Each structure stands twice: as C-alpha cells, then as structure tokens.
Amino acid sequence: MFNQFKMPTKIITGAGSLAELQALSLKKVLIICDPFMEKNGTAEKIGKLLKEKKIGYSIFSEIIPDPTIDVVTKGLVAAIKSKPDGMIALGGGSAMDAAKVIRQMYITAEKESSVQLICIPTTSGTGSEVTAFAVISDPVVQSKYALVDDQMIPDYAILDPLLTMSVPKNVTADTGIDVFTHCMEALASTNATDFTDACAEKAMKIIWNDLVSVFNDGENSMLREKIHNASCLAGISFSEASLGICHSLAHALGGRFHIPHGRANAMLLPHVISYNAGLETEKEIPQLLIYKNIAELLGFKAGTSKATVHAMNTGIQRQFKQMGIPKTINECGIDPEEFITAIPEMAEKALEDKCTLTNPRTPKKAELESIYQRLLRGGY
C-alpha cells in the first residue's frame, strides 16, 4: 500500500504577514467575509493593501456561522458579477469553507482555468486554510455536509496572529478544542502516516500546554501565534489523514441543535475516546494502543494501558472544565426529551458522514446512539 503527503498551500506566517498580500500577482479580488469583518474595518484594511498595489477588489460580506447552500449561491452570484482572478477568505472556518465552495462553483460555472484562493484565518481552530475540506449546512433538513475535494485546497494561507488578538475567551476555547480534536482524530485515523503524525503531535502538544494559558491571557501575542500555527499544523495533518466519528457526531449535533462546532467536539471527545479505545470492553482491543500512545505523548502513564487512557480522559475533561466547556445537553439549554427524540436521526447522519470512513473502529448505528446518550449524564 502506498501513501502520499502533499502540501500545495503556500503558508506565510508571523506578526504583520498580512502585508504579504501586496506581493501577489492579481488584478481583481473578491473578499469573502462576514458582516462583522466589514463593520470592524478589517475587510477595508485588506482592501487598502490591495489598492496600494492597484489591485481592484469588491466585498461579499454575507457569510454566516455554519454557511448554508443559499449563502454560497449568493457568493457565486457576487463572483460572477465581479469576475475576480483571486478570492480572499477572511474570517473563521465559516468564511473559508464558503469561499472554497464559491470558488469551485465559480470555476465550474464560468469555465475559468485559474482563480487563486487566499485564506486569512482570524480564529485559530478549523485549519481550513490548508485543507481540502468544507462544511456546508442545509437548514431545511437540519444537516451539515462535509465536502472533500483536493481542488478546494487554498493556494495561500496567511497566518497573522495579530488578527486573533481580540478573539473572545469562549471562541478561543471552542476553536482551540477543535484543533485538539483534529489532532486526536488524525493520530487515530486509519489513514494516518508518519508525516501526518508529525504535524498532529506537534500541534497537540502546543494546544495541550498553551490553550488554557491563552484562554486566560488573550493578549499574549507569543501564545496567540503558537496556537494559530498549531491550528494550521493540525489542518495539514487531517487534510491527509482525515478524521473520525467525533467530527461525524459533532456535525450532526451542530446541524440539529446549533451547538458551536468546537464545543460539540469537546463534549463528545471523551466518549469517543472511550468507545474507540474499547475502555468498556472486557478484552483489550488493538485500537487501545493508539490511545495509550497519545496519552503518553500528553504525559499520562498509569499501571495498564486502559488506566493510562482513563487518566488522559479525566485530564482532558479537567482541562475543558477550566475553560467552561459544558459536559451535558442540559448545560447547553437543550431539552432532554427533544434531544432523545433526535438521537436516531443524528446517529444515522453521523454514520453516513465522510469522517466516519477513517475512524479506527467501524461503528454501528446503535453504538453512535449510545455515545449521544452519554451526553445526557456527562461522565464518560
């Protein structure tokens, strides 16, 4: 069996790296962002940099959290109207995911041979600036769809930590835990390689050691830069290794109850680890070793492999608690009866999610339902 590792995105990092936009050979750019990025002047700041180099631009600022098919269609109309040779995605995962799909649709509709995509993340979480993944929502059926296509991989990623300095604490926690989950699932993926492991391990150590610190001290520019880079490293890893059922379950949960993606991952992760590692099985299963190795990477070691993974799970929940992450559906303000009723449909959607294909264990629908049910009580 052969593996491949590709990194087509050119990554530009460091404080002030936003100015590197002026080095790009472009004539007309469509800036894709949410209304806040336009209102707070960040989109115009980018526009000014482009204007200084006589690069024309227009702004599409209708991105919403969990971008929908309707939003992407509006973005396509804006692109057809402006006819750009480059698109800039400015914001978090929603802006970047939408921009990926808008570009792909535009190239197909207009038969354009080349439209560069430059991603400028303003949060440290999705890693979408370097991945082939995009998540689009359909509110009519209350679903999220994970799209995967190498043609959606951005051409450039500009990681300027100065853009993350004002990110609120709750968003810092949610997005940082998303990075942690990316690492955990990439390391356990059936598609993991030495190359993807190297990126995931480095990113995981940074998040484990520094996320709580930056949560408590958001103006620490050095830590912000480390977390921002870790997000990208995790993206590089899971773009090749893919993910697992924690993301599948989180996609369905978020689509149905609109829980922020990183928070949904955080609530599910200890339960997913318990299932994947077979902590509740009588005999040890091969996947246990994967999680034992991850636990030791984070500094946990107990008498047995199961005890070591148990210790990691306890430590993970302890760290999440320090950042105010809820454990139960009740804490999210969701009616338990409504949640119980939704479980079978959410489990079915999670089973069909592309991320499930590379989970270290092949789950049955009933097993996914059982994981959801654990969110009613919180303890794994």
Protein backbone atom coordinates (compact mmCIF):
# COMPACT_ATOMS: atom_id res chain seq x y z
CA MET A 1 0.00 0.00 0.00
CA PHE A 2 1.28 3.44 -0.95
CA ASN A 3 0.67 6.73 0.85
CA GLN A 4 1.08 10.29 -0.32
CA PHE A 5 1.60 13.56 1.50
CA LYS A 6 1.01 16.80 -0.36
CA MET A 7 1.15 20.38 0.83
CA PRO A 8 0.17 22.60 -2.11
CA THR A 9 -0.76 25.63 0.01
CA LYS A 10 1.94 28.27 0.40
CA ILE A 11 1.91 29.30 4.07
CA ILE A 12 3.02 32.78 5.17
CA THR A 13 3.30 33.28 8.93
CA GLY A 14 4.21 35.86 11.54
CA ALA A 15 3.01 39.13 13.01
CA GLY A 16 2.34 41.61 10.21
CA SER A 17 2.34 38.93 7.50
CA LEU A 18 -0.95 40.33 6.20
CA ALA A 19 1.14 42.84 4.22
CA GLU A 20 2.36 39.98 2.02
CA LEU A 21 -0.93 40.29 0.15
CA GLN A 22 0.76 43.04 -1.81
CA ALA A 23 3.23 40.55 -3.28
CA LEU A 24 0.52 38.55 -5.05
CA SER A 25 0.08 38.91 -8.81
CA LEU A 26 -3.63 39.67 -9.01
CA LYS A 27 -5.83 42.12 -10.89
CA LYS A 28 -9.24 41.82 -9.21
CA VAL A 29 -10.11 40.21 -5.88
CA LEU A 30 -13.37 39.21 -4.21
CA ILE A 31 -13.08 39.46 -0.41
CA ILE A 32 -15.39 36.93 1.27
CA CYS A 33 -16.20 37.60 4.93
CA ASP A 34 -18.98 38.02 7.49
CA PRO A 35 -20.66 41.38 8.23
CA PHE A 36 -18.53 41.91 11.37
CA MET A 37 -15.27 41.80 9.38
CA GLU A 38 -16.60 44.56 7.15
CA LYS A 39 -18.05 46.56 10.04
CA ASN A 40 -14.86 46.47 12.15
CA GLY A 41 -12.73 47.65 9.23
CA THR A 42 -10.64 44.50 8.71
CA ALA A 43 -12.00 43.92 5.20
CA GLU A 44 -11.28 47.54 4.27
CA LYS A 45 -7.79 47.23 5.73
CA ILE A 46 -7.17 44.42 3.28
CA GLY A 47 -8.80 46.48 0.55
CA LYS A 48 -6.39 49.33 1.26
CA LEU A 49 -3.39 46.99 0.95
CA LEU A 50 -4.71 45.80 -2.41
CA LYS A 51 -5.50 49.31 -3.62
CA GLU A 52 -1.93 50.46 -2.90
CA LYS A 53 -0.79 47.87 -5.46
CA LYS A 54 -3.55 48.82 -7.91
CA ILE A 55 -5.41 45.55 -7.33
CA GLY A 56 -9.16 46.03 -7.68
CA TYR A 57 -11.49 44.48 -5.14
CA SER A 58 -15.08 44.01 -4.08
CA ILE A 59 -16.51 42.63 -0.84
CA PHE A 60 -19.07 39.88 -0.29
CA SER A 61 -19.92 40.12 3.41
CA GLU A 62 -22.93 37.83 3.82
CA ILE A 63 -21.18 34.86 5.43
CA ILE A 64 -22.99 33.46 8.47
CA PRO A 65 -21.97 30.83 11.03
CA ASP A 66 -22.45 27.36 9.53
CA PRO A 67 -22.76 28.76 5.97
CA THR A 68 -25.73 27.47 4.02
CA ILE A 69 -26.29 26.49 0.42
CA ASP A 70 -28.19 29.77 -0.01
CA VAL A 71 -25.23 31.84 1.22
CA VAL A 72 -22.84 30.01 -1.09
CA THR A 73 -25.19 30.65 -4.02
CA LYS A 74 -25.26 34.38 -3.22
CA GLY A 75 -21.46 34.32 -3.11
CA LEU A 76 -21.38 32.69 -6.53
CA VAL A 77 -23.58 35.48 -7.91
CA ALA A 78 -21.19 38.06 -6.41
CA ALA A 79 -18.24 36.29 -8.01
CA ILE A 80 -19.88 36.15 -11.44
CA LYS A 81 -20.61 39.86 -11.17
CA SER A 82 -17.08 40.87 -10.13
CA LYS A 83 -15.14 38.36 -12.28
CA PRO A 84 -12.12 38.07 -9.95
CA ASP A 85 -8.86 36.29 -10.62
CA GLY A 86 -8.44 35.85 -6.87
CA MET A 87 -10.62 35.34 -3.82
CA ILE A 88 -9.68 36.20 -0.24
CA ALA A 89 -11.42 34.31 2.56
CA LEU A 90 -11.27 36.45 5.69
CA GLY A 91 -12.54 35.08 8.99
CA GLY A 92 -13.02 31.75 10.70
CA GLY A 93 -13.92 28.37 9.29
CA SER A 94 -17.30 29.56 8.00
CA ALA A 95 -15.77 32.18 5.70
CA MET A 96 -13.05 29.84 4.48
CA ASP A 97 -15.37 26.89 3.89
CA ALA A 98 -17.84 29.06 2.00
CA ALA A 99 -15.06 30.62 -0.09
CA LYS A 100 -13.76 27.19 -1.09
CA VAL A 101 -17.15 26.16 -2.40
CA ILE A 102 -17.82 29.55 -4.03
CA ARG A 103 -14.52 29.36 -5.91
CA GLN A 104 -15.16 25.81 -7.05
CA MET A 105 -18.66 26.66 -8.26
CA TYR A 106 -17.39 29.81 -9.98
CA ILE A 107 -14.64 27.97 -11.83
CA THR A 108 -17.15 25.36 -12.97
CA ALA A 109 -19.89 27.82 -13.94
CA GLU A 110 -17.65 30.33 -15.71
CA LYS A 111 -15.16 27.77 -17.05
CA GLU A 112 -12.31 29.74 -15.51
CA SER A 113 -8.98 27.96 -15.59
CA SER A 114 -7.42 29.59 -12.54
CA VAL A 115 -8.76 31.64 -9.64
CA GLN A 116 -6.40 31.87 -6.69
CA LEU A 117 -7.79 31.38 -3.18
CA ILE A 118 -6.03 33.14 -0.31
CA CYS A 119 -7.22 32.23 3.18
CA ILE A 120 -6.65 34.62 6.08
CA PRO A 121 -7.94 33.00 9.30
CA THR A 122 -8.93 35.31 12.14
CA THR A 123 -9.54 32.47 14.61
CA SER A 124 -7.31 29.53 15.48
CA GLY A 125 -9.40 26.42 15.06
CA THR A 126 -10.54 24.91 11.80
CA GLY A 127 -7.25 24.70 9.90
CA SER A 128 -9.44 25.20 6.84
CA GLU A 129 -6.80 27.46 5.31
CA VAL A 130 -4.82 24.38 4.21
CA THR A 131 -7.40 21.61 3.83
CA ALA A 132 -9.50 20.01 1.13
CA PHE A 133 -12.49 20.03 3.49
CA ALA A 134 -15.51 22.33 3.63
CA VAL A 135 -18.65 22.02 5.74
CA ILE A 136 -21.90 23.45 4.36
CA SER A 137 -25.27 23.42 6.14
CA ASP A 138 -28.78 22.80 4.90
CA PRO A 139 -31.19 24.33 7.44
CA VAL A 140 -34.20 22.79 5.71
CA VAL A 141 -33.17 19.27 6.75
CA GLN A 142 -31.06 20.48 9.72
CA SER A 143 -27.89 18.84 8.40
CA LYS A 144 -24.24 19.65 7.87
CA TYR A 145 -22.39 18.17 4.91
CA ALA A 146 -18.64 17.57 4.95
CA LEU A 147 -17.32 18.09 1.41
CA VAL A 148 -13.88 16.82 0.43
CA ASP A 149 -12.14 17.71 -2.83
CA ASP A 150 -8.45 18.40 -3.46
CA GLN A 151 -9.46 21.17 -5.86
CA MET A 152 -10.75 23.14 -2.87
CA ILE A 153 -7.30 23.33 -1.23
CA PRO A 154 -6.35 27.04 -0.95
CA ASP A 155 -3.35 28.41 -2.82
CA TYR A 156 -2.14 30.66 0.02
CA ALA A 157 -2.64 30.81 3.78
CA ILE A 158 -1.62 33.97 5.62
CA LEU A 159 -1.31 33.35 9.36
CA ASP A 160 -1.07 36.75 11.00
CA PRO A 161 -1.58 36.28 14.77
CA LEU A 162 -2.35 39.99 15.17
CA LEU A 163 -5.77 39.23 13.67
CA THR A 164 -6.56 36.88 16.58
CA MET A 165 -5.69 39.16 19.49
CA SER A 166 -9.28 40.25 20.15
CA VAL A 167 -10.92 36.81 19.86
CA PRO A 168 -13.29 36.35 22.86
CA LYS A 169 -12.49 33.74 25.52
CA ASN A 170 -15.36 31.43 24.62
CA VAL A 171 -14.36 31.42 20.95
CA THR A 172 -10.71 30.86 21.91
CA ALA A 173 -11.80 27.78 23.87
CA ASP A 174 -14.19 26.40 21.25
CA THR A 175 -11.78 26.82 18.35
CA GLY A 176 -8.74 25.64 20.30
CA ILE A 177 -10.52 22.45 21.32
CA ASP A 178 -11.43 21.93 17.67
CA VAL A 179 -7.68 21.93 16.95
CA PHE A 180 -7.11 19.42 19.75
CA THR A 181 -9.81 17.15 18.33
CA HIS A 182 -8.32 17.42 14.84
CA CYS A 183 -5.03 16.18 16.27
CA MET A 184 -6.60 13.36 18.27
CA GLU A 185 -8.60 12.09 15.31
CA ALA A 186 -5.81 12.46 12.76
CA LEU A 187 -3.47 10.45 15.00
CA ALA A 188 -6.07 7.68 15.37
CA SER A 189 -7.19 7.73 11.72
CA THR A 190 -6.84 4.64 9.57
CA ASN A 191 -5.14 6.93 7.02
CA ALA A 192 -2.52 8.25 9.47
CA THR A 193 1.12 8.22 8.34
CA ASP A 194 4.42 9.24 9.90
CA PHE A 195 4.09 12.58 8.10
CA THR A 196 0.57 13.35 9.33
CA ASP A 197 1.51 12.15 12.82
CA ALA A 198 4.45 14.56 12.97
CA CYS A 199 2.20 17.58 12.32
CA ALA A 200 -0.56 16.36 14.65
CA GLU A 201 1.79 15.55 17.53
CA LYS A 202 3.44 18.98 17.41
CA ALA A 203 0.10 20.77 17.25
CA MET A 204 -1.40 18.65 20.03
CA LYS A 205 1.45 19.43 22.42
CA ILE A 206 1.08 23.16 21.77
CA ILE A 207 -2.67 23.10 22.40
CA TRP A 208 -2.35 20.91 25.48
CA ASN A 209 0.35 23.09 27.02
CA ASP A 210 -0.81 26.56 25.97
CA LEU A 211 -4.56 26.73 25.26
CA VAL A 212 -5.66 27.33 28.86
CA SER A 213 -2.93 29.97 29.20
CA VAL A 214 -4.06 31.89 26.11
CA PHE A 215 -7.68 31.48 27.26
CA ASN A 216 -6.72 33.31 30.46
CA ASP A 217 -4.34 35.78 28.77
CA GLY A 218 -5.69 36.54 25.32
CA GLU A 219 -3.36 39.49 24.79
CA ASN A 220 -0.26 37.30 24.92
CA SER A 221 0.93 37.66 21.32
CA MET A 222 3.53 34.89 21.58
CA LEU A 223 0.94 32.34 22.71
CA ARG A 224 -1.57 33.56 20.12
CA GLU A 225 0.99 32.92 17.39
CA LYS A 226 1.75 29.41 18.69
CA ILE A 227 -1.94 28.49 18.83
CA HIS A 228 -2.51 29.98 15.34
CA ASN A 229 0.34 27.91 13.91
CA ALA A 230 -0.88 24.79 15.73
CA SER A 231 -4.28 25.17 14.09
CA CYS A 232 -2.63 25.18 10.68
CA LEU A 233 -0.39 22.20 11.52
CA ALA A 234 -3.45 20.22 12.59
CA GLY A 235 -5.14 21.17 9.33
CA ILE A 236 -2.17 19.89 7.35
CA SER A 237 -2.42 16.62 9.25
CA PHE A 238 -6.12 15.90 8.95
CA SER A 239 -6.31 17.12 5.36
CA GLU A 240 -4.28 14.00 4.54
CA ALA A 241 -5.21 11.61 7.37
CA SER A 242 -8.87 12.69 7.63
CA LEU A 243 -10.83 12.49 10.89
CA GLY A 244 -13.20 10.21 12.79
CA ILE A 245 -16.58 9.85 14.45
CA CYS A 246 -16.12 12.71 16.90
CA HIS A 247 -16.42 15.07 13.95
CA SER A 248 -19.19 12.99 12.37
CA LEU A 249 -21.21 13.13 15.59
CA ALA A 250 -20.42 16.84 16.06
CA HIS A 251 -21.56 17.67 12.52
CA ALA A 252 -24.93 16.03 13.13
CA LEU A 253 -25.27 17.50 16.63
CA GLY A 254 -24.38 21.00 15.46
CA GLY A 255 -26.66 20.76 12.45
CA ARG A 256 -29.62 19.79 14.62
CA PHE A 257 -29.09 21.90 17.76
CA HIS A 258 -26.69 24.65 16.58
CA ILE A 259 -24.02 23.99 19.20
CA PRO A 260 -20.70 25.64 18.17
CA HIS A 261 -18.61 23.02 16.39
CA GLY A 262 -15.62 23.07 18.73
CA ARG A 263 -17.87 22.86 21.78
CA ALA A 264 -19.73 19.88 20.29
CA ASN A 265 -16.38 18.18 19.71
CA ALA A 266 -15.32 18.90 23.29
CA MET A 267 -18.46 17.37 24.75
CA LEU A 268 -18.19 14.26 22.58
CA LEU A 269 -14.43 13.64 22.61
CA PRO A 270 -14.05 11.77 25.94
CA HIS A 271 -16.93 9.46 24.99
CA VAL A 272 -15.47 8.84 21.54
CA ILE A 273 -12.06 8.03 23.03
CA SER A 274 -13.73 5.61 25.45
CA TYR A 275 -15.53 3.87 22.58
CA ASN A 276 -12.63 3.82 20.12
CA ALA A 277 -10.15 2.56 22.74
CA GLY A 278 -12.59 -0.08 23.98
CA LEU A 279 -12.42 1.10 27.59
CA GLU A 280 -15.71 -0.65 28.32
CA THR A 281 -14.87 -3.93 26.57
CA GLU A 282 -13.80 -6.93 28.61
CA LYS A 283 -10.75 -7.65 26.45
CA GLU A 284 -8.24 -5.16 25.16
CA ILE A 285 -8.71 -4.24 21.51
CA PRO A 286 -5.91 -3.21 19.09
CA GLN A 287 -7.10 0.42 18.99
CA LEU A 288 -6.30 0.79 22.70
CA LEU A 289 -2.60 1.04 21.87
CA ILE A 290 -3.22 4.08 19.65
CA TYR A 291 -4.80 6.00 22.52
CA LYS A 292 -2.25 4.75 25.05
CA ASN A 293 0.48 6.24 22.86
CA ILE A 294 -1.42 9.53 22.58
CA ALA A 295 -1.92 9.60 26.35
CA GLU A 296 1.80 9.11 26.93
CA LEU A 297 2.52 11.90 24.43
CA LEU A 298 0.49 14.18 26.72
CA GLY A 299 2.33 12.95 29.82
CA PHE A 300 -0.13 10.37 31.18
CA LYS A 301 1.07 6.98 32.37
CA ALA A 302 -0.66 4.53 34.69
CA GLY A 303 -0.35 0.84 35.55
CA THR A 304 -2.15 -0.53 32.49
CA SER A 305 -3.00 0.68 29.00
CA LYS A 306 -6.65 1.16 29.94
CA ALA A 307 -5.73 3.03 33.11
CA THR A 308 -3.46 5.31 31.09
CA VAL A 309 -6.23 6.19 28.64
CA HIS A 310 -8.70 6.64 31.51
CA ALA A 311 -6.24 9.08 33.09
CA MET A 312 -5.99 11.02 29.82
CA ASN A 313 -9.76 11.21 29.50
CA THR A 314 -10.06 12.54 33.04
CA GLY A 315 -7.31 15.06 32.34
CA ILE A 316 -9.00 16.21 29.14
CA GLN A 317 -12.29 16.81 30.91
CA ARG A 318 -10.48 18.64 33.71
CA GLN A 319 -8.79 20.97 31.23
CA PHE A 320 -12.02 21.58 29.32
CA LYS A 321 -13.76 22.44 32.60
CA GLN A 322 -11.17 25.17 33.23
CA MET A 323 -12.45 26.84 30.05
CA GLY A 324 -16.12 26.50 30.93
CA ILE A 325 -16.94 23.73 28.46
CA PRO A 326 -20.27 22.02 29.28
CA LYS A 327 -20.50 18.26 29.72
CA THR A 328 -24.21 17.70 29.24
CA ILE A 329 -27.00 18.65 26.89
CA ASN A 330 -28.82 20.28 29.82
CA GLU A 331 -25.94 22.73 30.26
CA CYS A 332 -26.41 23.80 26.63
CA GLY A 333 -30.05 24.68 27.22
CA ILE A 334 -31.34 21.80 25.11
CA ASP A 335 -34.48 19.98 26.18
CA PRO A 336 -33.51 16.36 27.03
CA GLU A 337 -36.69 14.91 25.55
CA GLU A 338 -36.15 16.73 22.27
CA PHE A 339 -32.55 15.51 22.25
CA ILE A 340 -33.54 11.88 22.89
CA THR A 341 -36.06 12.04 20.05
CA ALA A 342 -33.39 13.38 17.68
CA ILE A 343 -30.74 10.76 18.53
CA PRO A 344 -31.67 8.09 15.92
CA GLU A 345 -31.67 10.59 13.05
CA MET A 346 -28.42 12.23 14.22
CA ALA A 347 -26.75 8.81 14.54
CA GLU A 348 -27.82 7.90 11.01
CA LYS A 349 -26.34 11.13 9.64
CA ALA A 350 -23.12 10.59 11.59
CA LEU A 351 -22.87 7.05 10.22
CA GLU A 352 -23.05 8.43 6.67
CA ASP A 353 -20.56 11.26 7.32
CA LYS A 354 -17.30 11.01 5.35
CA CYS A 355 -15.27 11.38 8.55
CA THR A 356 -16.62 8.03 9.77
CA LEU A 357 -14.77 6.21 6.98
CA THR A 358 -11.38 6.69 8.68
CA ASN A 359 -12.42 6.11 12.29
CA PRO A 360 -10.20 3.46 13.96
CA ARG A 361 -13.29 1.39 14.84
CA THR A 362 -16.17 0.71 12.47
CA PRO A 363 -19.26 1.77 14.42
CA LYS A 364 -22.81 0.53 14.24
CA LYS A 365 -25.69 2.99 14.41
CA ALA A 366 -26.64 1.74 17.89
CA GLU A 367 -23.10 2.46 19.13
CA LEU A 368 -23.30 6.05 17.86
CA GLU A 369 -26.68 6.41 19.54
CA SER A 370 -25.10 5.22 22.78
CA ILE A 371 -22.40 7.90 22.55
CA TYR A 372 -25.05 10.59 22.12
CA GLN A 373 -26.96 9.20 25.10
CA ARG A 374 -23.91 9.74 27.29
CA LEU A 375 -24.32 13.49 26.78
CA LEU A 376 -27.40 13.26 28.98
CA ARG A 377 -25.26 12.44 32.02
CA GLY A 378 -21.83 13.84 31.13
CA GLY A 379 -19.43 11.29 32.62
CA TYR A 380 -17.71 9.05 30.10
